Amino acid sequence: MSSTSFEVTSDLARTTAMPAGRRWGAYLAEAKYECVRTLRMPGFTIPFLLLPVSLYVFFAVILFGAALRGQPNAGMALFTGFAAFGVMGPGMFGFGVFVAMEREQGLLTLKRALPMPPAAYLLAKMFMAMLFAAIVMATMIVAALSLAHLKLTARQLLSVAGINVLGALPFCALGLFIGTRATGKSAPAFVNLAYFPIMYLGGLWFPLPGAVAWVMRCSPAFYLDQLALRMTGLPTHVPAVLDVAVLVGVTLLLTAFSVRRLARVG
C-alpha cells in the first residue's frame, strides 16, 4: 500500500511540475509587475532616484566644485561615496518595509497558494532593487561627466556601475532580514536605525578619526565603496578579496536566516 502511494505521489509530482518555460515566464512576470508597481509609487521612487544625484550635484558641483577641480582624487571619492549611498536605499527599504507590510497583509500567504515558483517573490524584489541601482548609477555617471567633469574611462565607469548594481544585493539581504522580523508599522523605524549608521559610519564621504576608524569595517557600505574606489585606480584600505568576501557573506548569511524565518513563521 505504501509503495503504491509513493508511486502515485511521484507520478503526481512529475505531472504537476511547472515546465521550464512557464517557470521563467513566472519569474519575469513577477519581476515586471514588481518594478511597475514600485515605479508608480512617487513616495518611493522620487527620493531614491533623485536624492542621490541631487546631493551629489550640490556637494560636488555647487558647494565644493571649485576646490575639487584641483583634487581629482577627492572628486572620485565623493562620486563613489554617493554612488554607494544611492544603491543602498532601494534594497533596504524595498525589502525591509515592503516585506514587513506584505507579511501583515497576508500577501505572502496568498502567493504561496498561487501556482508560481516559491523564489519568484524574492527574486522580483531583488531585480527591482537592482533596476533602481542601475538608474541611480546612470544619473550619477551623467552628472559626474557633464557637471563634475570627472576624468573616468568607459571601462572605469562600467566597472563602478556594475559593482554598485550588484552591490545592492547585500542591502537587499539586510532589508529582508529586517522585514521578516519587524511589523509593518515598526519596519521603517528599524530600517532607518540600520540605514543611517551603515551610511555615516561606513566612511562614504569622510574617514572616521583614527581611534574609531575600525568602526568603518563593520559597515557593508565601506566594502562596497572600497571596491568602487579600486576600479577608479585610487588606493584602498583592504584587499579586494576581503571586500568581495564580506559583501557575499552578508548577502548569503542574512538571506539564509530570512528564508528560514519565512518558511517557519511566514
C-alpha atoms as a PDB file:
ATOM      1  CA  MET A   1       0.000   0.000   0.000  1.00  0.00           C
ATOM      2  CA  SER A   2       2.799   2.400   0.875  1.00  0.00           C
ATOM      3  CA  SER A   3       4.721   1.678  -2.351  1.00  0.00           C
ATOM      4  CA  THR A   4       1.569   2.290  -4.388  1.00  0.00           C
ATOM      5  CA  SER A   5       1.006   5.551  -2.588  1.00  0.00           C
ATOM      6  CA  PHE A   6       4.616   6.547  -3.209  1.00  0.00           C
ATOM      7  CA  GLU A   7       4.288   5.796  -6.930  1.00  0.00           C
ATOM      8  CA  VAL A   8       1.066   7.804  -7.207  1.00  0.00           C
ATOM      9  CA  THR A   9       2.656  10.722  -5.381  1.00  0.00           C
ATOM     10  CA  SER A  10       5.741  10.593  -7.600  1.00  0.00           C
ATOM     11  CA  ASP A  11       3.617  10.469 -10.747  1.00  0.00           C
ATOM     12  CA  LEU A  12       1.539  13.398  -9.500  1.00  0.00           C
ATOM     13  CA  ALA A  13       4.669  15.443  -8.760  1.00  0.00           C
ATOM     14  CA  ARG A  14       6.008  14.741 -12.249  1.00  0.00           C
ATOM     15  CA  THR A  15       2.750  15.684 -13.969  1.00  0.00           C
ATOM     16  CA  THR A  16       2.221  18.862 -11.947  1.00  0.00           C
ATOM     17  CA  ALA A  17       5.815  20.143 -12.161  1.00  0.00           C
ATOM     18  CA  MET A  18       5.955  23.508 -13.920  1.00  0.00           C
ATOM     19  CA  PRO A  19       7.722  23.386 -17.308  1.00  0.00           C
ATOM     20  CA  ALA A  20      10.922  25.398 -17.543  1.00  0.00           C
ATOM     21  CA  GLY A  21       9.406  27.878 -19.987  1.00  0.00           C
ATOM     22  CA  ARG A  22       6.457  28.645 -17.744  1.00  0.00           C
ATOM     23  CA  ARG A  23       8.755  28.885 -14.720  1.00  0.00           C
ATOM     24  CA  TRP A  24      10.919  31.535 -16.383  1.00  0.00           C
ATOM     25  CA  GLY A  25       7.773  33.278 -17.567  1.00  0.00           C
ATOM     26  CA  ALA A  26       6.553  33.409 -13.961  1.00  0.00           C
ATOM     27  CA  TYR A  27       9.871  34.871 -12.794  1.00  0.00           C
ATOM     28  CA  LEU A  28       9.809  37.544 -15.497  1.00  0.00           C
ATOM     29  CA  ALA A  29       6.154  38.415 -14.935  1.00  0.00           C
ATOM     30  CA  GLU A  30       6.617  38.785 -11.182  1.00  0.00           C
ATOM     31  CA  ALA A  31       9.730  40.930 -11.694  1.00  0.00           C
ATOM     32  CA  LYS A  32       7.954  43.091 -14.280  1.00  0.00           C
ATOM     33  CA  TYR A  33       4.936  43.811 -12.110  1.00  0.00           C
ATOM     34  CA  GLU A  34       7.071  44.419  -9.017  1.00  0.00           C
ATOM     35  CA  CYS A  35       9.092  47.027 -10.918  1.00  0.00           C
ATOM     36  CA  VAL A  36       5.992  48.652 -12.421  1.00  0.00           C
ATOM     37  CA  ARG A  37       4.259  48.734  -9.040  1.00  0.00           C
ATOM     38  CA  THR A  38       7.268  50.330  -7.343  1.00  0.00           C
ATOM     39  CA  LEU A  39       7.914  52.860 -10.107  1.00  0.00           C
ATOM     40  CA  ARG A  40       4.308  54.008  -9.747  1.00  0.00           C
ATOM     41  CA  MET A  41       4.870  54.891  -6.091  1.00  0.00           C
ATOM     42  CA  PRO A  42       6.162  58.510  -6.030  1.00  0.00           C
ATOM     43  CA  GLY A  43       6.890  58.313  -2.306  1.00  0.00           C
ATOM     44  CA  PHE A  44       9.418  55.558  -3.014  1.00  0.00           C
ATOM     45  CA  THR A  45      10.629  56.439  -6.498  1.00  0.00           C
ATOM     46  CA  ILE A  46      11.357  60.163  -6.134  1.00  0.00           C
ATOM     47  CA  PRO A  47      13.559  60.004  -3.008  1.00  0.00           C
ATOM     48  CA  PHE A  48      15.619  57.014  -4.090  1.00  0.00           C
ATOM     49  CA  LEU A  49      16.087  58.048  -7.725  1.00  0.00           C
ATOM     50  CA  LEU A  50      16.526  61.815  -7.374  1.00  0.00           C
ATOM     51  CA  LEU A  51      18.057  62.332  -3.939  1.00  0.00           C
ATOM     52  CA  PRO A  52      21.481  60.698  -4.582  1.00  0.00           C
ATOM     53  CA  VAL A  53      22.212  62.630  -7.774  1.00  0.00           C
ATOM     54  CA  SER A  54      20.773  65.861  -6.325  1.00  0.00           C
ATOM     55  CA  LEU A  55      23.014  65.657  -3.261  1.00  0.00           C
ATOM     56  CA  TYR A  56      25.998  64.713  -5.397  1.00  0.00           C
ATOM     57  CA  VAL A  57      25.490  67.734  -7.662  1.00  0.00           C
ATOM     58  CA  PHE A  58      25.009  70.015  -4.649  1.00  0.00           C
ATOM     59  CA  PHE A  59      28.245  68.951  -2.939  1.00  0.00           C
ATOM     60  CA  ALA A  60      30.469  68.069  -5.922  1.00  0.00           C
ATOM     61  CA  VAL A  61      29.446  70.946  -8.202  1.00  0.00           C
ATOM     62  CA  ILE A  62      27.758  73.775  -6.318  1.00  0.00           C
ATOM     63  CA  LEU A  63      29.384  73.664  -2.894  1.00  0.00           C
ATOM     64  CA  PHE A  64      32.872  72.241  -3.465  1.00  0.00           C
ATOM     65  CA  GLY A  65      33.161  72.281  -7.253  1.00  0.00           C
ATOM     66  CA  ALA A  66      35.995  74.801  -7.414  1.00  0.00           C
ATOM     67  CA  ALA A  67      38.030  73.052  -4.713  1.00  0.00           C
ATOM     68  CA  LEU A  68      37.555  69.597  -6.238  1.00  0.00           C
ATOM     69  CA  ARG A  69      38.858  70.662  -9.648  1.00  0.00           C
ATOM     70  CA  GLY A  70      42.355  70.736  -8.205  1.00  0.00           C
ATOM     71  CA  GLN A  71      41.852  67.498  -6.252  1.00  0.00           C
ATOM     72  CA  PRO A  72      40.684  64.816  -8.702  1.00  0.00           C
ATOM     73  CA  ASN A  73      41.126  62.034  -6.138  1.00  0.00           C
ATOM     74  CA  ALA A  74      38.737  63.761  -3.742  1.00  0.00           C
ATOM     75  CA  GLY A  75      36.249  64.169  -6.581  1.00  0.00           C
ATOM     76  CA  MET A  76      36.472  60.441  -7.367  1.00  0.00           C
ATOM     77  CA  ALA A  77      35.983  59.514  -3.725  1.00  0.00           C
ATOM     78  CA  LEU A  78      32.933  61.754  -3.494  1.00  0.00           C
ATOM     79  CA  PHE A  79      31.476  60.145  -6.615  1.00  0.00           C
ATOM     80  CA  THR A  80      31.914  56.585  -5.367  1.00  0.00           C
ATOM     81  CA  GLY A  81      30.608  57.536  -1.923  1.00  0.00           C
ATOM     82  CA  PHE A  82      27.375  58.982  -3.274  1.00  0.00           C
ATOM     83  CA  ALA A  83      27.040  56.050  -5.680  1.00  0.00           C
ATOM     84  CA  ALA A  84      27.198  53.596  -2.771  1.00  0.00           C
ATOM     85  CA  PHE A  85      24.702  55.736  -0.866  1.00  0.00           C
ATOM     86  CA  GLY A  86      22.366  55.688  -3.871  1.00  0.00           C
ATOM     87  CA  VAL A  87      22.194  51.903  -4.225  1.00  0.00           C
ATOM     88  CA  MET A  88      21.678  51.206  -0.510  1.00  0.00           C
ATOM     89  CA  GLY A  89      18.210  52.683  -0.113  1.00  0.00           C
ATOM     90  CA  PRO A  90      16.126  50.728  -2.670  1.00  0.00           C
ATOM     91  CA  GLY A  91      17.331  47.390  -1.316  1.00  0.00           C
ATOM     92  CA  MET A  92      16.975  48.164   2.378  1.00  0.00           C
ATOM     93  CA  PHE A  93      13.628  49.963   2.184  1.00  0.00           C
ATOM     94  CA  GLY A  94      12.238  47.948  -0.730  1.00  0.00           C
ATOM     95  CA  PHE A  95      12.693  44.750   1.247  1.00  0.00           C
ATOM     96  CA  GLY A  96      12.555  45.947   4.832  1.00  0.00           C
ATOM     97  CA  VAL A  97       9.319  47.931   4.589  1.00  0.00           C
ATOM     98  CA  PHE A  98       7.510  46.140   1.762  1.00  0.00           C
ATOM     99  CA  VAL A  99       8.122  42.614   3.054  1.00  0.00           C
ATOM    100  CA  ALA A 100       7.003  43.531   6.562  1.00  0.00           C
ATOM    101  CA  MET A 101       3.800  45.152   5.276  1.00  0.00           C
ATOM    102  CA  GLU A 102       3.023  42.351   2.837  1.00  0.00           C
ATOM    103  CA  ARG A 103       3.530  39.738   5.532  1.00  0.00           C
ATOM    104  CA  GLU A 104       0.980  41.506   7.747  1.00  0.00           C
ATOM    105  CA  GLN A 105      -1.488  41.903   4.880  1.00  0.00           C
ATOM    106  CA  GLY A 106      -1.332  38.189   4.073  1.00  0.00           C
ATOM    107  CA  LEU A 107       0.126  38.715   0.600  1.00  0.00           C
ATOM    108  CA  LEU A 108       2.897  36.180   1.184  1.00  0.00           C
ATOM    109  CA  THR A 109       0.324  33.574   2.252  1.00  0.00           C
ATOM    110  CA  LEU A 110      -1.644  34.278  -0.919  1.00  0.00           C
ATOM    111  CA  LYS A 111       1.435  33.964  -3.113  1.00  0.00           C
ATOM    112  CA  ARG A 112       2.216  30.565  -1.574  1.00  0.00           C
ATOM    113  CA  ALA A 113      -1.174  29.366  -2.746  1.00  0.00           C
ATOM    114  CA  LEU A 114      -0.618  30.590  -6.302  1.00  0.00           C
ATOM    115  CA  PRO A 115       0.921  28.324  -8.986  1.00  0.00           C
ATOM    116  CA  MET A 116       4.210  30.217  -9.104  1.00  0.00           C
ATOM    117  CA  PRO A 117       7.805  29.347  -8.165  1.00  0.00           C
ATOM    118  CA  PRO A 118       8.429  29.998  -4.450  1.00  0.00           C
ATOM    119  CA  ALA A 119      11.520  32.093  -5.158  1.00  0.00           C
ATOM    120  CA  ALA A 120       9.766  34.422  -7.635  1.00  0.00           C
ATOM    121  CA  TYR A 121       8.629  36.818  -4.904  1.00  0.00           C
ATOM    122  CA  LEU A 122      12.123  37.474  -3.532  1.00  0.00           C
ATOM    123  CA  LEU A 123      13.862  37.444  -6.910  1.00  0.00           C
ATOM    124  CA  ALA A 124      11.391  40.030  -8.226  1.00  0.00           C
ATOM    125  CA  LYS A 125      12.227  42.390  -5.365  1.00  0.00           C
ATOM    126  CA  MET A 126      15.944  41.820  -5.932  1.00  0.00           C
ATOM    127  CA  PHE A 127      15.519  42.682  -9.603  1.00  0.00           C
ATOM    128  CA  MET A 128      13.566  45.814  -8.646  1.00  0.00           C
ATOM    129  CA  ALA A 129      16.341  46.963  -6.295  1.00  0.00           C
ATOM    130  CA  MET A 130      18.998  46.323  -8.947  1.00  0.00           C
ATOM    131  CA  LEU A 131      16.941  48.219 -11.543  1.00  0.00           C
ATOM    132  CA  PHE A 132      16.750  51.214  -9.200  1.00  0.00           C
ATOM    133  CA  ALA A 133      20.503  50.902  -8.586  1.00  0.00           C
ATOM    134  CA  ALA A 134      21.138  50.897 -12.352  1.00  0.00           C
ATOM    135  CA  ILE A 135      19.014  54.043 -12.809  1.00  0.00           C
ATOM    136  CA  VAL A 136      20.830  55.743  -9.925  1.00  0.00           C
ATOM    137  CA  MET A 137      24.195  54.872 -11.444  1.00  0.00           C
ATOM    138  CA  ALA A 138      23.131  56.167 -14.864  1.00  0.00           C
ATOM    139  CA  THR A 139      22.131  59.545 -13.418  1.00  0.00           C
ATOM    140  CA  MET A 140      25.274  59.690 -11.276  1.00  0.00           C
ATOM    141  CA  ILE A 141      27.523  58.990 -14.261  1.00  0.00           C
ATOM    142  CA  VAL A 142      25.834  61.661 -16.376  1.00  0.00           C
ATOM    143  CA  ALA A 143      26.247  64.198 -13.564  1.00  0.00           C
ATOM    144  CA  ALA A 144      29.867  63.184 -12.923  1.00  0.00           C
ATOM    145  CA  LEU A 145      30.879  63.557 -16.555  1.00  0.00           C
ATOM    146  CA  SER A 146      28.871  66.610 -17.536  1.00  0.00           C
ATOM    147  CA  LEU A 147      28.810  68.714 -14.354  1.00  0.00           C
ATOM    148  CA  ALA A 148      31.645  67.495 -12.113  1.00  0.00           C
ATOM    149  CA  HIS A 149      33.967  66.886 -15.106  1.00  0.00           C
ATOM    150  CA  LEU A 150      35.468  63.708 -13.688  1.00  0.00           C
ATOM    151  CA  LYS A 151      38.100  62.035 -15.847  1.00  0.00           C
ATOM    152  CA  LEU A 152      36.947  58.418 -15.976  1.00  0.00           C
ATOM    153  CA  THR A 153      37.332  55.964 -18.842  1.00  0.00           C
ATOM    154  CA  ALA A 154      34.389  53.968 -20.173  1.00  0.00           C
ATOM    155  CA  ARG A 155      35.867  50.841 -18.589  1.00  0.00           C
ATOM    156  CA  GLN A 156      36.115  52.509 -15.194  1.00  0.00           C
ATOM    157  CA  LEU A 157      32.547  53.795 -15.408  1.00  0.00           C
ATOM    158  CA  LEU A 158      31.172  50.403 -16.390  1.00  0.00           C
ATOM    159  CA  SER A 159      33.160  48.712 -13.626  1.00  0.00           C
ATOM    160  CA  VAL A 160      31.925  51.133 -10.957  1.00  0.00           C
ATOM    161  CA  ALA A 161      28.346  50.860 -12.234  1.00  0.00           C
ATOM    162  CA  GLY A 162      28.433  47.053 -12.335  1.00  0.00           C
ATOM    163  CA  ILE A 163      29.912  46.803  -8.843  1.00  0.00           C
ATOM    164  CA  ASN A 164      27.278  49.111  -7.390  1.00  0.00           C
ATOM    165  CA  VAL A 165      24.361  47.410  -9.138  1.00  0.00           C
ATOM    166  CA  LEU A 166      25.473  44.045  -7.770  1.00  0.00           C
ATOM    167  CA  GLY A 167      26.389  45.791  -4.528  1.00  0.00           C
ATOM    168  CA  ALA A 168      22.700  46.462  -3.906  1.00  0.00           C
ATOM    169  CA  LEU A 169      22.254  42.764  -3.041  1.00  0.00           C
ATOM    170  CA  PRO A 170      23.808  42.844   0.477  1.00  0.00           C
ATOM    171  CA  PHE A 171      21.453  45.674   1.370  1.00  0.00           C
ATOM    172  CA  CYS A 172      18.532  43.709  -0.061  1.00  0.00           C
ATOM    173  CA  ALA A 173      19.524  40.884   2.280  1.00  0.00           C
ATOM    174  CA  LEU A 174      19.747  43.281   5.217  1.00  0.00           C
ATOM    175  CA  GLY A 175      16.333  44.739   4.400  1.00  0.00           C
ATOM    176  CA  LEU A 176      14.869  41.254   4.032  1.00  0.00           C
ATOM    177  CA  PHE A 177      16.286  40.281   7.418  1.00  0.00           C
ATOM    178  CA  ILE A 178      14.511  43.256   8.998  1.00  0.00           C
ATOM    179  CA  GLY A 179      11.315  42.748   7.017  1.00  0.00           C
ATOM    180  CA  THR A 180      10.918  39.140   8.123  1.00  0.00           C
ATOM    181  CA  ARG A 181      11.079  40.145  11.771  1.00  0.00           C
ATOM    182  CA  ALA A 182       9.512  43.599  12.069  1.00  0.00           C
ATOM    183  CA  THR A 183       5.862  44.565  11.856  1.00  0.00           C
ATOM    184  CA  GLY A 184       4.561  46.793   9.085  1.00  0.00           C
ATOM    185  CA  LYS A 185       4.421  49.823  11.381  1.00  0.00           C
ATOM    186  CA  SER A 186       7.811  49.332  13.001  1.00  0.00           C
ATOM    187  CA  ALA A 187       9.741  48.322   9.859  1.00  0.00           C
ATOM    188  CA  PRO A 188      10.504  51.893   8.655  1.00  0.00           C
ATOM    189  CA  ALA A 189      11.975  52.758  12.052  1.00  0.00           C
ATOM    190  CA  PHE A 190      14.127  49.623  12.180  1.00  0.00           C
ATOM    191  CA  VAL A 191      15.341  50.140   8.602  1.00  0.00           C
ATOM    192  CA  ASN A 192      16.325  53.724   9.411  1.00  0.00           C
ATOM    193  CA  LEU A 193      18.114  52.547  12.554  1.00  0.00           C
ATOM    194  CA  ALA A 194      20.271  50.347  10.342  1.00  0.00           C
ATOM    195  CA  TYR A 195      20.439  52.607   7.282  1.00  0.00           C
ATOM    196  CA  PHE A 196      21.912  55.757   8.801  1.00  0.00           C
ATOM    197  CA  PRO A 197      24.674  54.134  10.904  1.00  0.00           C
ATOM    198  CA  ILE A 198      25.719  51.938   7.971  1.00  0.00           C
ATOM    199  CA  MET A 199      25.837  55.010   5.743  1.00  0.00           C
ATOM    200  CA  TYR A 200      27.547  57.506   8.041  1.00  0.00           C
ATOM    201  CA  LEU A 201      29.879  55.076   9.805  1.00  0.00           C
ATOM    202  CA  GLY A 202      30.921  53.459   6.532  1.00  0.00           C
ATOM    203  CA  GLY A 203      33.219  56.364   5.677  1.00  0.00           C
ATOM    204  CA  LEU A 204      31.474  57.081   2.382  1.00  0.00           C
ATOM    205  CA  TRP A 205      32.246  60.811   2.406  1.00  0.00           C
ATOM    206  CA  PHE A 206      34.735  61.361   5.203  1.00  0.00           C
ATOM    207  CA  PRO A 207      37.054  58.995   7.100  1.00  0.00           C
ATOM    208  CA  LEU A 208      36.423  58.479  10.773  1.00  0.00           C
ATOM    209  CA  PRO A 209      39.094  59.602  13.276  1.00  0.00           C
ATOM    210  CA  GLY A 210      41.914  57.147  13.843  1.00  0.00           C
ATOM    211  CA  ALA A 211      40.735  55.988  17.259  1.00  0.00           C
ATOM    212  CA  VAL A 212      37.384  54.810  15.888  1.00  0.00           C
ATOM    213  CA  ALA A 213      38.396  54.054  12.298  1.00  0.00           C
ATOM    214  CA  TRP A 214      37.771  50.351  12.951  1.00  0.00           C
ATOM    215  CA  VAL A 215      34.031  51.099  13.044  1.00  0.00           C
ATOM    216  CA  MET A 216      34.069  51.628   9.268  1.00  0.00           C
ATOM    217  CA  ARG A 217      34.963  47.966   8.792  1.00  0.00           C
ATOM    218  CA  CYS A 218      31.694  46.970  10.456  1.00  0.00           C
ATOM    219  CA  SER A 219      29.682  48.593   7.643  1.00  0.00           C
ATOM    220  CA  PRO A 220      28.941  46.773   4.347  1.00  0.00           C
ATOM    221  CA  ALA A 221      28.870  50.206   2.680  1.00  0.00           C
ATOM    222  CA  PHE A 222      32.576  50.594   3.449  1.00  0.00           C
ATOM    223  CA  TYR A 223      33.491  47.450   1.491  1.00  0.00           C
ATOM    224  CA  LEU A 224      31.265  48.395  -1.446  1.00  0.00           C
ATOM    225  CA  ASP A 225      32.860  51.847  -1.586  1.00  0.00           C
ATOM    226  CA  GLN A 226      36.317  50.293  -1.391  1.00  0.00           C
ATOM    227  CA  LEU A 227      35.610  48.096  -4.413  1.00  0.00           C
ATOM    228  CA  ALA A 228      34.366  51.057  -6.424  1.00  0.00           C
ATOM    229  CA  LEU A 229      37.390  53.145  -5.423  1.00  0.00           C
ATOM    230  CA  ARG A 230      39.667  50.360  -6.582  1.00  0.00           C
ATOM    231  CA  MET A 231      38.011  50.456 -10.030  1.00  0.00           C
ATOM    232  CA  THR A 232      38.845  54.174 -10.344  1.00  0.00           C
ATOM    233  CA  GLY A 233      42.505  53.500  -9.586  1.00  0.00           C
ATOM    234  CA  LEU A 234      42.549  55.102  -6.144  1.00  0.00           C
ATOM    235  CA  PRO A 235      44.297  53.429  -3.188  1.00  0.00           C
ATOM    236  CA  THR A 236      42.135  51.395  -0.819  1.00  0.00           C
ATOM    237  CA  HIS A 237      42.435  50.200   2.772  1.00  0.00           C
ATOM    238  CA  VAL A 238      41.629  46.486   2.380  1.00  0.00           C
ATOM    239  CA  PRO A 239      42.245  43.819  -0.302  1.00  0.00           C
ATOM    240  CA  ALA A 240      39.599  43.299  -2.975  1.00  0.00           C
ATOM    241  CA  VAL A 241      39.201  39.671  -1.897  1.00  0.00           C
ATOM    242  CA  LEU A 242      38.121  40.800   1.564  1.00  0.00           C
ATOM    243  CA  ASP A 243      35.659  43.308   0.073  1.00  0.00           C
ATOM    244  CA  VAL A 244      34.006  40.621  -2.037  1.00  0.00           C
ATOM    245  CA  ALA A 245      34.055  38.063   0.780  1.00  0.00           C
ATOM    246  CA  VAL A 246      32.319  40.410   3.215  1.00  0.00           C
ATOM    247  CA  LEU A 247      29.636  41.507   0.757  1.00  0.00           C
ATOM    248  CA  VAL A 248      28.917  37.971  -0.453  1.00  0.00           C
ATOM    249  CA  GLY A 249      28.957  36.650   3.112  1.00  0.00           C
ATOM    250  CA  VAL A 250      26.479  39.301   4.306  1.00  0.00           C
ATOM    251  CA  THR A 251      24.194  38.533   1.361  1.00  0.00           C
ATOM    252  CA  LEU A 252      24.187  34.757   1.779  1.00  0.00           C
ATOM    253  CA  LEU A 253      24.043  34.691   5.568  1.00  0.00           C
ATOM    254  CA  LEU A 254      21.218  37.188   6.031  1.00  0.00           C
ATOM    255  CA  THR A 255      19.244  35.722   3.124  1.00  0.00           C
ATOM    256  CA  ALA A 256      19.533  32.234   4.598  1.00  0.00           C
ATOM    257  CA  PHE A 257      18.334  33.439   8.009  1.00  0.00           C
ATOM    258  CA  SER A 258      15.457  35.342   6.406  1.00  0.00           C
ATOM    259  CA  VAL A 259      14.289  32.482   4.161  1.00  0.00           C
ATOM    260  CA  ARG A 260      14.377  30.137   7.143  1.00  0.00           C
ATOM    261  CA  ARG A 261      12.286  32.628   9.102  1.00  0.00           C
ATOM    262  CA  LEU A 262       9.753  32.924   6.265  1.00  0.00           C
ATOM    263  CA  ALA A 263       9.499  29.146   5.962  1.00  0.00           C
ATOM    264  CA  ARG A 264       8.891  28.712   9.686  1.00  0.00           C
ATOM    265  CA  VAL A 265       6.854  31.761  10.636  1.00  0.00           C
ATOM    266  CA  GLY A 266       5.715  33.383   7.380  1.00  0.00           C
END
